[in-house]
Amino acid sequence: MMVNRHRGEVGAVLDGREWALCLTLGALAELEAAFEAEDLTALIARFSSARLSARDMVRIITAGLRGGGHSVTEDDVAQMQADGGAAGFARIVSELLTVAFGAAQAATAKPESDSLSNP
């Protein structure tokens, strides 16, 4: 699968299938609403200052998949599997945020241990 990181795309393997993800402007607007962020600066601050729960990772990956042109729901993503389990999902989220916002603003995407069983 060819992805263009200059356009903000990242590739991921979920459920054994290759996907292109992208945090488009629409995907970012979706995340602003989901995280009740007033603007992109607040969204970046949210991702930079907090550890991410499994629910957060589901929301970010869902938005990235939709931005990549895939019709998926949060429930679809919550049922998917990534190589490496929760750490694999965290790597996908970290890469998405790094490509979208740059390394300085990207979250570390460390899953909260109490949230892993309830995405």
Foldseek 3Di string as FASTA:
>chain_A
DDDDLLQLWDWFQKQNDIAIFHQDPVLVVQVCVVVVPPDVVSVLCVQAPDADAPLRLLSNRVSRRVVRVDDDDSVRSVPIAGVPGQVRSLVVQQSSQCSVPNPVSHHSNDYDPVRSVPD
